[in-house]
Amino acid sequence: MSHGNRFQPAGGRGRGLRAVRRVQGACGPVDVSAARVAWSRFVARICGSREECAVVFGVTFQTACNWFDAFSTPTGASVMQAARDWPDQFAAMLGEVA
């Protein structure tokens, strides 16, 4: 017989279904186009050039170009770096998307 797989952290108890729904309901959908434009503006303000962007975030020059041209957005590691290194500017960028 199969049982539901609930995550129960060591020394604690798992979250109930109502708690999961509260967390999932907190955010609405993100406008992907707005996110690409906001990230493009963010890296332009922070880095100033595509070359510097590639160095700062440890990505290829082509990736930096894609970010500057608002063709794509970064993956988690680059987002975490931006939030950690430039918290005020990152928060302002999030305000542009909301």
C-alpha atoms as a PDB file:
ATOM      1  CA  MET A   1       0.000   0.000   0.000  1.00  0.00           C
ATOM      2  CA  SER A   2       1.314   3.431  -0.922  1.00  0.00           C
ATOM      3  CA  HIS A   3       1.399   6.240   1.633  1.00  0.00           C
ATOM      4  CA  GLY A   4       1.553   9.971   1.094  1.00  0.00           C
ATOM      5  CA  ASN A   5       5.110  11.223   1.288  1.00  0.00           C
ATOM      6  CA  ARG A   6       5.179  14.100   3.787  1.00  0.00           C
ATOM      7  CA  PHE A   7       8.408  15.866   4.515  1.00  0.00           C
ATOM      8  CA  GLN A   8       9.050  15.912   8.228  1.00  0.00           C
ATOM      9  CA  PRO A   9      12.215  17.732   9.247  1.00  0.00           C
ATOM     10  CA  ALA A  10      14.334  16.308  12.050  1.00  0.00           C
ATOM     11  CA  GLY A  11      12.937  17.396  15.394  1.00  0.00           C
ATOM     12  CA  GLY A  12       9.827  18.933  13.863  1.00  0.00           C
ATOM     13  CA  ARG A  13       6.609  18.111  12.128  1.00  0.00           C
ATOM     14  CA  GLY A  14       5.572  18.379   8.525  1.00  0.00           C
ATOM     15  CA  ARG A  15       3.442  21.196   7.170  1.00  0.00           C
ATOM     16  CA  GLY A  16      -0.248  20.625   6.797  1.00  0.00           C
ATOM     17  CA  LEU A  17      -2.095  21.088   3.516  1.00  0.00           C
ATOM     18  CA  ARG A  18      -3.541  24.444   4.646  1.00  0.00           C
ATOM     19  CA  ALA A  19      -0.042  25.817   5.309  1.00  0.00           C
ATOM     20  CA  VAL A  20       1.117  24.739   1.861  1.00  0.00           C
ATOM     21  CA  ARG A  21      -1.828  26.511   0.252  1.00  0.00           C
ATOM     22  CA  ARG A  22      -1.096  29.723   2.182  1.00  0.00           C
ATOM     23  CA  VAL A  23       2.476  29.766   0.924  1.00  0.00           C
ATOM     24  CA  GLN A  24       1.554  28.935  -2.655  1.00  0.00           C
ATOM     25  CA  GLY A  25      -1.191  31.542  -2.734  1.00  0.00           C
ATOM     26  CA  ALA A  26       1.108  34.369  -1.621  1.00  0.00           C
ATOM     27  CA  CYS A  27       2.491  35.156  -5.089  1.00  0.00           C
ATOM     28  CA  GLY A  28       0.694  35.771  -8.309  1.00  0.00           C
ATOM     29  CA  PRO A  29       2.064  34.987 -11.749  1.00  0.00           C
ATOM     30  CA  VAL A  30       5.102  36.950 -12.917  1.00  0.00           C
ATOM     31  CA  ASP A  31       5.000  38.818 -16.212  1.00  0.00           C
ATOM     32  CA  VAL A  32       7.984  37.227 -17.956  1.00  0.00           C
ATOM     33  CA  SER A  33       8.460  40.132 -20.370  1.00  0.00           C
ATOM     34  CA  ALA A  34       8.524  42.625 -17.502  1.00  0.00           C
ATOM     35  CA  ALA A  35      11.000  40.418 -15.628  1.00  0.00           C
ATOM     36  CA  ARG A  36      13.358  40.335 -18.622  1.00  0.00           C
ATOM     37  CA  VAL A  37      13.221  44.115 -19.011  1.00  0.00           C
ATOM     38  CA  ALA A  38      13.685  44.703 -15.264  1.00  0.00           C
ATOM     39  CA  TRP A  39      16.717  42.380 -15.158  1.00  0.00           C
ATOM     40  CA  SER A  40      18.173  44.088 -18.235  1.00  0.00           C
ATOM     41  CA  ARG A  41      17.889  47.493 -16.550  1.00  0.00           C
ATOM     42  CA  PHE A  42      19.309  46.084 -13.319  1.00  0.00           C
ATOM     43  CA  VAL A  43      22.476  44.642 -14.889  1.00  0.00           C
ATOM     44  CA  ALA A  44      22.965  47.784 -16.980  1.00  0.00           C
ATOM     45  CA  ARG A  45      22.874  49.920 -13.810  1.00  0.00           C
ATOM     46  CA  ILE A  46      25.060  47.556 -11.771  1.00  0.00           C
ATOM     47  CA  CYS A  47      27.623  46.503 -14.366  1.00  0.00           C
ATOM     48  CA  GLY A  48      27.569  49.246 -16.971  1.00  0.00           C
ATOM     49  CA  SER A  49      28.770  47.021 -19.809  1.00  0.00           C
ATOM     50  CA  ARG A  50      28.212  43.550 -21.180  1.00  0.00           C
ATOM     51  CA  GLU A  51      31.830  42.614 -20.587  1.00  0.00           C
ATOM     52  CA  GLU A  52      31.691  43.668 -16.931  1.00  0.00           C
ATOM     53  CA  CYS A  53      28.395  41.820 -16.504  1.00  0.00           C
ATOM     54  CA  ALA A  54      29.963  38.603 -17.794  1.00  0.00           C
ATOM     55  CA  VAL A  55      32.860  38.964 -15.348  1.00  0.00           C
ATOM     56  CA  VAL A  56      30.768  39.975 -12.318  1.00  0.00           C
ATOM     57  CA  PHE A  57      28.260  37.141 -12.698  1.00  0.00           C
ATOM     58  CA  GLY A  58      30.667  34.556 -14.117  1.00  0.00           C
ATOM     59  CA  VAL A  59      28.646  33.981 -17.279  1.00  0.00           C
ATOM     60  CA  THR A  60      29.558  33.937 -20.948  1.00  0.00           C
ATOM     61  CA  PHE A  61      29.648  37.135 -22.949  1.00  0.00           C
ATOM     62  CA  GLN A  62      26.688  35.845 -24.971  1.00  0.00           C
ATOM     63  CA  THR A  63      24.644  35.347 -21.805  1.00  0.00           C
ATOM     64  CA  ALA A  64      25.465  38.894 -20.718  1.00  0.00           C
ATOM     65  CA  CYS A  65      24.366  40.130 -24.152  1.00  0.00           C
ATOM     66  CA  ASN A  66      21.096  38.216 -23.831  1.00  0.00           C
ATOM     67  CA  TRP A  67      20.480  39.813 -20.429  1.00  0.00           C
ATOM     68  CA  PHE A  68      21.277  43.321 -21.707  1.00  0.00           C
ATOM     69  CA  ASP A  69      18.991  42.826 -24.722  1.00  0.00           C
ATOM     70  CA  ALA A  70      16.201  41.423 -22.488  1.00  0.00           C
ATOM     71  CA  PHE A  71      16.149  38.110 -24.356  1.00  0.00           C
ATOM     72  CA  SER A  72      16.502  36.015 -21.210  1.00  0.00           C
ATOM     73  CA  THR A  73      16.667  36.122 -17.432  1.00  0.00           C
ATOM     74  CA  PRO A  74      19.216  34.502 -15.121  1.00  0.00           C
ATOM     75  CA  THR A  75      19.102  31.241 -13.230  1.00  0.00           C
ATOM     76  CA  GLY A  76      18.970  30.932  -9.459  1.00  0.00           C
ATOM     77  CA  ALA A  77      22.674  31.367  -8.692  1.00  0.00           C
ATOM     78  CA  SER A  78      22.898  34.726 -10.452  1.00  0.00           C
ATOM     79  CA  VAL A  79      19.661  35.912  -8.882  1.00  0.00           C
ATOM     80  CA  MET A  80      20.937  34.935  -5.429  1.00  0.00           C
ATOM     81  CA  GLN A  81      24.225  36.748  -6.064  1.00  0.00           C
ATOM     82  CA  ALA A  82      22.368  39.895  -7.117  1.00  0.00           C
ATOM     83  CA  ALA A  83      20.102  39.791  -4.059  1.00  0.00           C
ATOM     84  CA  ARG A  84      23.092  39.270  -1.757  1.00  0.00           C
ATOM     85  CA  ASP A  85      25.490  41.813  -3.281  1.00  0.00           C
ATOM     86  CA  TRP A  86      23.047  44.614  -4.189  1.00  0.00           C
ATOM     87  CA  PRO A  87      20.006  44.213  -1.911  1.00  0.00           C
ATOM     88  CA  ASP A  88      18.615  47.741  -2.358  1.00  0.00           C
ATOM     89  CA  GLN A  89      18.904  47.746  -6.143  1.00  0.00           C
ATOM     90  CA  PHE A  90      17.538  44.202  -6.272  1.00  0.00           C
ATOM     91  CA  ALA A  91      14.488  45.202  -4.221  1.00  0.00           C
ATOM     92  CA  ALA A  92      13.916  48.162  -6.541  1.00  0.00           C
ATOM     93  CA  MET A  93      14.069  45.825  -9.540  1.00  0.00           C
ATOM     94  CA  LEU A  94      11.453  43.563  -7.966  1.00  0.00           C
ATOM     95  CA  GLY A  95       9.246  46.615  -7.553  1.00  0.00           C
ATOM     96  CA  GLU A  96       9.422  47.187 -11.315  1.00  0.00           C
ATOM     97  CA  VAL A  97       8.078  43.689 -11.986  1.00  0.00           C
ATOM     98  CA  ALA A  98       5.266  43.734  -9.405  1.00  0.00           C
END
